[in-house]
Amino acid sequence: MFWMKDLFLHHVNLPYEAISITVSFLSQCTLNFLELFILYQCRSLNNNSFSGRIPTSIGRLSNLYWLDLAENQLDGPIPVSDGNTPGLDMLVKAKHFHLEKKKFSGEIPSKHFSSNMVLKHLLLSNNVLTGNIPETLGSVTPLEVIRFIRNSLSGPVPSNLNNLVNVGKLYLSNNKLSGPIPNLTGMNTLQYVDMSNNSFDESDFPPWISSLKYLTTISLRVIGF
């Protein structure tokens, strides 16, 4: 299979039958040359050696429901559409964005999220993302898991985060978040919350904790207590 590493791929066809494999034969490809994915219901392209930026053309895959590019060598900003080029915000049927353990940089675009998305898992940990968590995140009400661990996100957590009443696991630790501890009242399915190692304001113990009957674990250490 070594001869394949010299190919400049423009089209990749991975049919449904391939959904559970790691696409190891693509491990030497550079995503700059992957102009179009024809993935059908392929789930995972994780743990390869893809490098470069995510092609904006992935945004044209209108039926894609699972995007897993974790543990590659991707970098640059998260692409969003601008009227002329597509972006990940166009994947409104996607239920899974697994974009962890890479070098994505810049801010999380506010346009990335909208109320017509059906996204359930948003995994962006271990990147170098900066700026605020966008308020538009609070409009994606199907979300069940949010994982933003180990970035450089700053500023206050959006006050409308508690619109996300289906979230069971919320990971915001090891960032530079500040301001008041977010009010999670109403997030009644929360089981696990980690907001440790940030710079939140000193405050009393959050009163909303006692109202979350399914909550089993909460970590607030090194945040001003």
C-alpha atoms as a PDB file:
ATOM      1  CA  MET A   1       0.000   0.000   0.000  1.00  0.00           C
ATOM      2  CA  PHE A   2       3.005   2.365   0.246  1.00  0.00           C
ATOM      3  CA  TRP A   3       2.625   3.479  -3.347  1.00  0.00           C
ATOM      4  CA  MET A   4      -0.580   5.300  -2.399  1.00  0.00           C
ATOM      5  CA  LYS A   5       1.178   7.911  -0.280  1.00  0.00           C
ATOM      6  CA  ASP A   6       2.282   9.828  -3.358  1.00  0.00           C
ATOM      7  CA  LEU A   7      -1.251  10.301  -4.665  1.00  0.00           C
ATOM      8  CA  PHE A   8      -2.824  13.743  -4.665  1.00  0.00           C
ATOM      9  CA  LEU A   9      -6.393  12.705  -3.948  1.00  0.00           C
ATOM     10  CA  HIS A  10      -9.258  14.785  -5.261  1.00  0.00           C
ATOM     11  CA  HIS A  11     -12.084  12.328  -4.603  1.00  0.00           C
ATOM     12  CA  VAL A  12     -12.441   9.761  -1.839  1.00  0.00           C
ATOM     13  CA  ASN A  13     -15.270   7.260  -2.021  1.00  0.00           C
ATOM     14  CA  LEU A  14     -15.826   5.392   1.250  1.00  0.00           C
ATOM     15  CA  PRO A  15     -19.200   3.625   1.094  1.00  0.00           C
ATOM     16  CA  TYR A  16     -21.371   2.612   4.019  1.00  0.00           C
ATOM     17  CA  GLU A  17     -19.633  -0.753   4.356  1.00  0.00           C
ATOM     18  CA  ALA A  18     -16.464   1.041   5.502  1.00  0.00           C
ATOM     19  CA  ILE A  19     -17.959   3.001   8.370  1.00  0.00           C
ATOM     20  CA  SER A  20     -16.200   1.237  11.243  1.00  0.00           C
ATOM     21  CA  ILE A  21     -12.634   1.153   9.905  1.00  0.00           C
ATOM     22  CA  THR A  22      -9.776   3.566  10.276  1.00  0.00           C
ATOM     23  CA  VAL A  23      -8.850   4.819   6.831  1.00  0.00           C
ATOM     24  CA  SER A  24      -5.170   4.007   7.230  1.00  0.00           C
ATOM     25  CA  PHE A  25      -4.372   4.068   3.531  1.00  0.00           C
ATOM     26  CA  LEU A  26      -5.075   7.814   3.572  1.00  0.00           C
ATOM     27  CA  SER A  27      -2.617   8.460   6.366  1.00  0.00           C
ATOM     28  CA  GLN A  28      -0.024  10.171   4.166  1.00  0.00           C
ATOM     29  CA  CYS A  29      -2.468  12.431   2.324  1.00  0.00           C
ATOM     30  CA  THR A  30      -2.668  16.173   2.799  1.00  0.00           C
ATOM     31  CA  LEU A  31      -6.193  17.508   3.181  1.00  0.00           C
ATOM     32  CA  ASN A  32      -5.360  20.490   1.018  1.00  0.00           C
ATOM     33  CA  PHE A  33      -5.774  18.139  -1.934  1.00  0.00           C
ATOM     34  CA  LEU A  34      -8.980  16.475  -0.783  1.00  0.00           C
ATOM     35  CA  GLU A  35     -11.407  18.650  -2.689  1.00  0.00           C
ATOM     36  CA  LEU A  36     -14.446  16.465  -2.223  1.00  0.00           C
ATOM     37  CA  PHE A  37     -15.418  13.694   0.177  1.00  0.00           C
ATOM     38  CA  ILE A  38     -18.037  11.213  -1.000  1.00  0.00           C
ATOM     39  CA  LEU A  39     -18.517   9.580   2.394  1.00  0.00           C
ATOM     40  CA  TYR A  40     -22.169   8.519   2.307  1.00  0.00           C
ATOM     41  CA  GLN A  41     -22.603   7.335   5.913  1.00  0.00           C
ATOM     42  CA  CYS A  42     -18.932   6.932   6.763  1.00  0.00           C
ATOM     43  CA  ARG A  43     -18.361   7.784  10.423  1.00  0.00           C
ATOM     44  CA  SER A  44     -14.683   8.051  11.125  1.00  0.00           C
ATOM     45  CA  LEU A  45     -11.509   9.463   9.609  1.00  0.00           C
ATOM     46  CA  ASN A  46      -9.840   9.783  12.989  1.00  0.00           C
ATOM     47  CA  ASN A  47      -6.346   8.785  14.044  1.00  0.00           C
ATOM     48  CA  ASN A  48      -4.697   9.163  10.646  1.00  0.00           C
ATOM     49  CA  SER A  49      -2.019  11.675   9.695  1.00  0.00           C
ATOM     50  CA  PHE A  50      -4.128  14.170   7.789  1.00  0.00           C
ATOM     51  CA  SER A  51      -2.464  17.569   7.781  1.00  0.00           C
ATOM     52  CA  GLY A  52      -3.435  21.051   6.683  1.00  0.00           C
ATOM     53  CA  ARG A  53      -6.842  22.653   7.010  1.00  0.00           C
ATOM     54  CA  ILE A  54     -10.314  21.152   6.809  1.00  0.00           C
ATOM     55  CA  PRO A  55     -11.511  21.567   3.209  1.00  0.00           C
ATOM     56  CA  THR A  56     -14.435  23.975   3.058  1.00  0.00           C
ATOM     57  CA  SER A  57     -16.023  21.616   0.514  1.00  0.00           C
ATOM     58  CA  ILE A  58     -17.012  19.267   3.356  1.00  0.00           C
ATOM     59  CA  GLY A  59     -19.829  21.753   3.929  1.00  0.00           C
ATOM     60  CA  ARG A  60     -21.441  20.527   0.715  1.00  0.00           C
ATOM     61  CA  LEU A  61     -22.067  17.089   2.232  1.00  0.00           C
ATOM     62  CA  SER A  62     -25.592  18.009   3.222  1.00  0.00           C
ATOM     63  CA  ASN A  63     -26.530  14.515   4.446  1.00  0.00           C
ATOM     64  CA  LEU A  64     -23.413  13.882   6.534  1.00  0.00           C
ATOM     65  CA  TYR A  65     -24.399  12.951  10.067  1.00  0.00           C
ATOM     66  CA  TRP A  66     -21.082  12.034  11.718  1.00  0.00           C
ATOM     67  CA  LEU A  67     -17.847  13.983  11.223  1.00  0.00           C
ATOM     68  CA  ASP A  68     -14.922  12.496  13.148  1.00  0.00           C
ATOM     69  CA  LEU A  69     -11.528  14.005  12.330  1.00  0.00           C
ATOM     70  CA  ALA A  70     -10.041  13.641  15.806  1.00  0.00           C
ATOM     71  CA  GLU A  71      -6.390  12.830  16.449  1.00  0.00           C
ATOM     72  CA  ASN A  72      -5.034  14.026  13.128  1.00  0.00           C
ATOM     73  CA  GLN A  73      -2.631  16.886  12.389  1.00  0.00           C
ATOM     74  CA  LEU A  74      -5.164  19.406  11.189  1.00  0.00           C
ATOM     75  CA  ASP A  75      -4.790  23.103  11.923  1.00  0.00           C
ATOM     76  CA  GLY A  76      -6.175  26.514  11.081  1.00  0.00           C
ATOM     77  CA  PRO A  77      -9.623  27.954  11.754  1.00  0.00           C
ATOM     78  CA  ILE A  78     -12.923  26.099  11.816  1.00  0.00           C
ATOM     79  CA  PRO A  79     -14.391  26.800   8.356  1.00  0.00           C
ATOM     80  CA  VAL A  80     -17.797  28.457   8.036  1.00  0.00           C
ATOM     81  CA  SER A  81     -19.638  29.542   4.912  1.00  0.00           C
ATOM     82  CA  ASP A  82     -19.365  33.102   3.641  1.00  0.00           C
ATOM     83  CA  GLY A  83     -21.747  33.181   0.691  1.00  0.00           C
ATOM     84  CA  ASN A  84     -19.115  32.073  -1.793  1.00  0.00           C
ATOM     85  CA  THR A  85     -17.561  29.091  -0.054  1.00  0.00           C
ATOM     86  CA  PRO A  86     -19.217  26.388   2.083  1.00  0.00           C
ATOM     87  CA  GLY A  87     -18.369  25.540   5.686  1.00  0.00           C
ATOM     88  CA  LEU A  88     -19.211  23.261   8.580  1.00  0.00           C
ATOM     89  CA  ASP A  89     -22.194  25.429   9.564  1.00  0.00           C
ATOM     90  CA  MET A  90     -23.979  23.988   6.528  1.00  0.00           C
ATOM     91  CA  LEU A  91     -23.916  20.457   7.976  1.00  0.00           C
ATOM     92  CA  VAL A  92     -27.249  20.937   9.718  1.00  0.00           C
ATOM     93  CA  LYS A  93     -28.062  17.194   9.626  1.00  0.00           C
ATOM     94  CA  ALA A  94     -24.847  16.237  11.409  1.00  0.00           C
ATOM     95  CA  LYS A  95     -25.281  14.802  14.900  1.00  0.00           C
ATOM     96  CA  HIS A  96     -21.596  14.424  15.752  1.00  0.00           C
ATOM     97  CA  PHE A  97     -18.684  16.852  15.385  1.00  0.00           C
ATOM     98  CA  HIS A  98     -15.588  15.130  16.798  1.00  0.00           C
ATOM     99  CA  LEU A  99     -12.751  17.599  16.205  1.00  0.00           C
ATOM    100  CA  GLU A 100     -10.449  16.971  19.152  1.00  0.00           C
ATOM    101  CA  LYS A 101      -6.687  16.671  19.575  1.00  0.00           C
ATOM    102  CA  LYS A 102      -5.621  18.853  16.674  1.00  0.00           C
ATOM    103  CA  LYS A 103      -4.351  22.398  16.259  1.00  0.00           C
ATOM    104  CA  PHE A 104      -7.482  24.285  15.353  1.00  0.00           C
ATOM    105  CA  SER A 105      -6.935  27.946  16.154  1.00  0.00           C
ATOM    106  CA  GLY A 106      -8.803  31.220  16.220  1.00  0.00           C
ATOM    107  CA  GLU A 107     -12.262  31.810  17.605  1.00  0.00           C
ATOM    108  CA  ILE A 108     -15.198  29.438  17.453  1.00  0.00           C
ATOM    109  CA  PRO A 109     -17.297  31.203  14.799  1.00  0.00           C
ATOM    110  CA  SER A 110     -20.713  32.345  16.014  1.00  0.00           C
ATOM    111  CA  LYS A 111     -22.086  31.384  12.607  1.00  0.00           C
ATOM    112  CA  HIS A 112     -21.055  27.800  13.258  1.00  0.00           C
ATOM    113  CA  PHE A 113     -24.241  27.213  15.299  1.00  0.00           C
ATOM    114  CA  SER A 114     -27.923  27.689  14.507  1.00  0.00           C
ATOM    115  CA  SER A 115     -31.297  26.571  15.797  1.00  0.00           C
ATOM    116  CA  ASN A 116     -31.919  24.281  12.822  1.00  0.00           C
ATOM    117  CA  MET A 117     -28.995  22.013  13.707  1.00  0.00           C
ATOM    118  CA  VAL A 118     -29.578  18.525  15.153  1.00  0.00           C
ATOM    119  CA  LEU A 119     -26.102  18.282  16.674  1.00  0.00           C
ATOM    120  CA  LYS A 120     -25.777  16.009  19.721  1.00  0.00           C
ATOM    121  CA  HIS A 121     -22.012  15.749  20.356  1.00  0.00           C
ATOM    122  CA  LEU A 122     -19.694  18.767  20.025  1.00  0.00           C
ATOM    123  CA  LEU A 123     -16.137  17.756  20.870  1.00  0.00           C
ATOM    124  CA  LEU A 124     -13.445  20.441  20.454  1.00  0.00           C
ATOM    125  CA  SER A 125     -11.002  19.591  23.246  1.00  0.00           C
ATOM    126  CA  ASN A 126      -7.220  19.852  23.031  1.00  0.00           C
ATOM    127  CA  ASN A 127      -6.995  22.500  20.346  1.00  0.00           C
ATOM    128  CA  VAL A 128      -5.728  26.096  20.537  1.00  0.00           C
ATOM    129  CA  LEU A 129      -9.069  27.857  20.193  1.00  0.00           C
ATOM    130  CA  THR A 130      -9.346  31.399  21.581  1.00  0.00           C
ATOM    131  CA  GLY A 131     -12.009  34.020  22.187  1.00  0.00           C
ATOM    132  CA  ASN A 132     -15.453  33.673  23.689  1.00  0.00           C
ATOM    133  CA  ILE A 133     -17.845  30.757  23.565  1.00  0.00           C
ATOM    134  CA  PRO A 134     -20.438  32.111  21.106  1.00  0.00           C
ATOM    135  CA  GLU A 135     -23.970  32.780  22.359  1.00  0.00           C
ATOM    136  CA  THR A 136     -25.321  30.973  19.306  1.00  0.00           C
ATOM    137  CA  LEU A 137     -24.252  27.721  20.962  1.00  0.00           C
ATOM    138  CA  GLY A 138     -27.296  28.125  23.212  1.00  0.00           C
ATOM    139  CA  SER A 139     -29.596  27.729  20.206  1.00  0.00           C
ATOM    140  CA  VAL A 140     -28.507  24.148  19.446  1.00  0.00           C
ATOM    141  CA  THR A 141     -30.990  22.539  21.818  1.00  0.00           C
ATOM    142  CA  PRO A 142     -30.461  18.880  20.757  1.00  0.00           C
ATOM    143  CA  LEU A 143     -26.913  18.968  22.201  1.00  0.00           C
ATOM    144  CA  GLU A 144     -26.153  16.229  24.731  1.00  0.00           C
ATOM    145  CA  VAL A 145     -22.361  16.440  25.141  1.00  0.00           C
ATOM    146  CA  ILE A 146     -20.162  19.571  25.007  1.00  0.00           C
ATOM    147  CA  ARG A 147     -16.418  19.125  25.420  1.00  0.00           C
ATOM    148  CA  PHE A 148     -14.125  22.180  25.159  1.00  0.00           C
ATOM    149  CA  ILE A 149     -11.316  21.002  27.476  1.00  0.00           C
ATOM    150  CA  ARG A 150      -7.784  22.456  27.162  1.00  0.00           C
ATOM    151  CA  ASN A 151      -8.163  25.377  24.822  1.00  0.00           C
ATOM    152  CA  SER A 152      -7.618  29.092  25.487  1.00  0.00           C
ATOM    153  CA  LEU A 153     -11.255  30.149  25.503  1.00  0.00           C
ATOM    154  CA  SER A 154     -11.870  33.337  27.483  1.00  0.00           C
ATOM    155  CA  GLY A 155     -14.594  35.665  28.667  1.00  0.00           C
ATOM    156  CA  PRO A 156     -17.881  34.735  30.317  1.00  0.00           C
ATOM    157  CA  VAL A 157     -19.865  31.616  29.545  1.00  0.00           C
ATOM    158  CA  PRO A 158     -22.983  32.641  27.568  1.00  0.00           C
ATOM    159  CA  SER A 159     -25.954  33.256  29.859  1.00  0.00           C
ATOM    160  CA  ASN A 160     -28.230  31.275  27.546  1.00  0.00           C
ATOM    161  CA  LEU A 161     -26.245  28.069  27.997  1.00  0.00           C
ATOM    162  CA  ASN A 162     -29.018  26.765  30.231  1.00  0.00           C
ATOM    163  CA  ASN A 163     -31.267  26.635  27.170  1.00  0.00           C
ATOM    164  CA  LEU A 164     -29.463  23.367  26.435  1.00  0.00           C
ATOM    165  CA  VAL A 165     -31.714  21.225  28.576  1.00  0.00           C
ATOM    166  CA  ASN A 166     -30.638  17.963  26.905  1.00  0.00           C
ATOM    167  CA  VAL A 167     -26.961  18.291  27.815  1.00  0.00           C
ATOM    168  CA  GLY A 168     -25.848  15.495  30.130  1.00  0.00           C
ATOM    169  CA  LYS A 169     -22.099  16.139  30.095  1.00  0.00           C
ATOM    170  CA  LEU A 170     -20.480  19.580  30.077  1.00  0.00           C
ATOM    171  CA  TYR A 171     -16.692  19.910  29.965  1.00  0.00           C
ATOM    172  CA  LEU A 172     -15.236  23.445  30.044  1.00  0.00           C
ATOM    173  CA  SER A 173     -12.102  22.840  32.109  1.00  0.00           C
ATOM    174  CA  ASN A 174      -8.595  24.167  31.507  1.00  0.00           C
ATOM    175  CA  ASN A 175      -9.467  27.332  29.651  1.00  0.00           C
ATOM    176  CA  LYS A 176      -9.327  31.049  30.551  1.00  0.00           C
ATOM    177  CA  LEU A 177     -13.025  31.568  31.159  1.00  0.00           C
ATOM    178  CA  SER A 178     -13.940  34.424  33.497  1.00  0.00           C
ATOM    179  CA  GLY A 179     -16.903  36.301  34.909  1.00  0.00           C
ATOM    180  CA  PRO A 180     -19.650  34.707  36.985  1.00  0.00           C
ATOM    181  CA  ILE A 181     -20.042  30.970  37.250  1.00  0.00           C
ATOM    182  CA  PRO A 182     -22.728  30.136  34.682  1.00  0.00           C
ATOM    183  CA  ASN A 183     -26.225  29.516  35.972  1.00  0.00           C
ATOM    184  CA  LEU A 184     -27.153  26.004  34.887  1.00  0.00           C
ATOM    185  CA  THR A 185     -30.664  26.083  36.335  1.00  0.00           C
ATOM    186  CA  GLY A 186     -33.030  24.090  34.145  1.00  0.00           C
ATOM    187  CA  MET A 187     -30.385  21.770  32.707  1.00  0.00           C
ATOM    188  CA  ASN A 188     -32.122  18.909  34.423  1.00  0.00           C
ATOM    189  CA  THR A 189     -30.398  16.081  32.549  1.00  0.00           C
ATOM    190  CA  LEU A 190     -26.889  17.146  33.608  1.00  0.00           C
ATOM    191  CA  GLN A 191     -24.883  14.285  35.067  1.00  0.00           C
ATOM    192  CA  TYR A 192     -21.303  15.552  34.803  1.00  0.00           C
ATOM    193  CA  VAL A 193     -19.962  19.121  34.927  1.00  0.00           C
ATOM    194  CA  ASP A 194     -16.289  20.109  34.851  1.00  0.00           C
ATOM    195  CA  MET A 195     -15.496  23.834  34.867  1.00  0.00           C
ATOM    196  CA  SER A 196     -12.222  23.546  36.780  1.00  0.00           C
ATOM    197  CA  ASN A 197      -9.012  25.456  36.078  1.00  0.00           C
ATOM    198  CA  ASN A 198     -10.587  28.643  34.800  1.00  0.00           C
ATOM    199  CA  SER A 199     -10.713  32.180  36.255  1.00  0.00           C
ATOM    200  CA  PHE A 200     -14.324  32.609  37.304  1.00  0.00           C
ATOM    201  CA  ASP A 201     -15.283  35.221  39.895  1.00  0.00           C
ATOM    202  CA  GLU A 202     -15.292  34.247  43.531  1.00  0.00           C
ATOM    203  CA  SER A 203     -18.764  33.375  44.709  1.00  0.00           C
ATOM    204  CA  ASP A 204     -20.764  31.283  47.093  1.00  0.00           C
ATOM    205  CA  PHE A 205     -21.420  27.687  46.215  1.00  0.00           C
ATOM    206  CA  PRO A 206     -23.842  27.756  43.240  1.00  0.00           C
ATOM    207  CA  PRO A 207     -27.430  27.275  44.483  1.00  0.00           C
ATOM    208  CA  TRP A 208     -28.547  25.608  41.260  1.00  0.00           C
ATOM    209  CA  ILE A 209     -26.512  22.497  42.057  1.00  0.00           C
ATOM    210  CA  SER A 210     -29.157  21.165  44.440  1.00  0.00           C
ATOM    211  CA  SER A 211     -31.834  21.368  41.730  1.00  0.00           C
ATOM    212  CA  LEU A 212     -30.061  19.019  39.309  1.00  0.00           C
ATOM    213  CA  LYS A 213     -31.278  15.637  40.463  1.00  0.00           C
ATOM    214  CA  TYR A 214     -29.245  13.573  37.997  1.00  0.00           C
ATOM    215  CA  LEU A 215     -25.956  15.320  38.732  1.00  0.00           C
ATOM    216  CA  THR A 216     -23.324  12.845  39.933  1.00  0.00           C
ATOM    217  CA  THR A 217     -20.054  14.759  39.437  1.00  0.00           C
ATOM    218  CA  ILE A 218     -19.142  18.445  39.501  1.00  0.00           C
ATOM    219  CA  SER A 219     -15.653  19.955  39.517  1.00  0.00           C
ATOM    220  CA  LEU A 220     -15.133  23.658  40.254  1.00  0.00           C
ATOM    221  CA  ARG A 221     -11.594  23.661  41.628  1.00  0.00           C
ATOM    222  CA  VAL A 222      -9.146  26.508  41.005  1.00  0.00           C
ATOM    223  CA  ILE A 223     -11.788  28.985  39.918  1.00  0.00           C
ATOM    224  CA  GLY A 224     -11.784  31.448  42.789  1.00  0.00           C
ATOM    225  CA  PHE A 225     -13.210  29.321  45.588  1.00  0.00           C
END
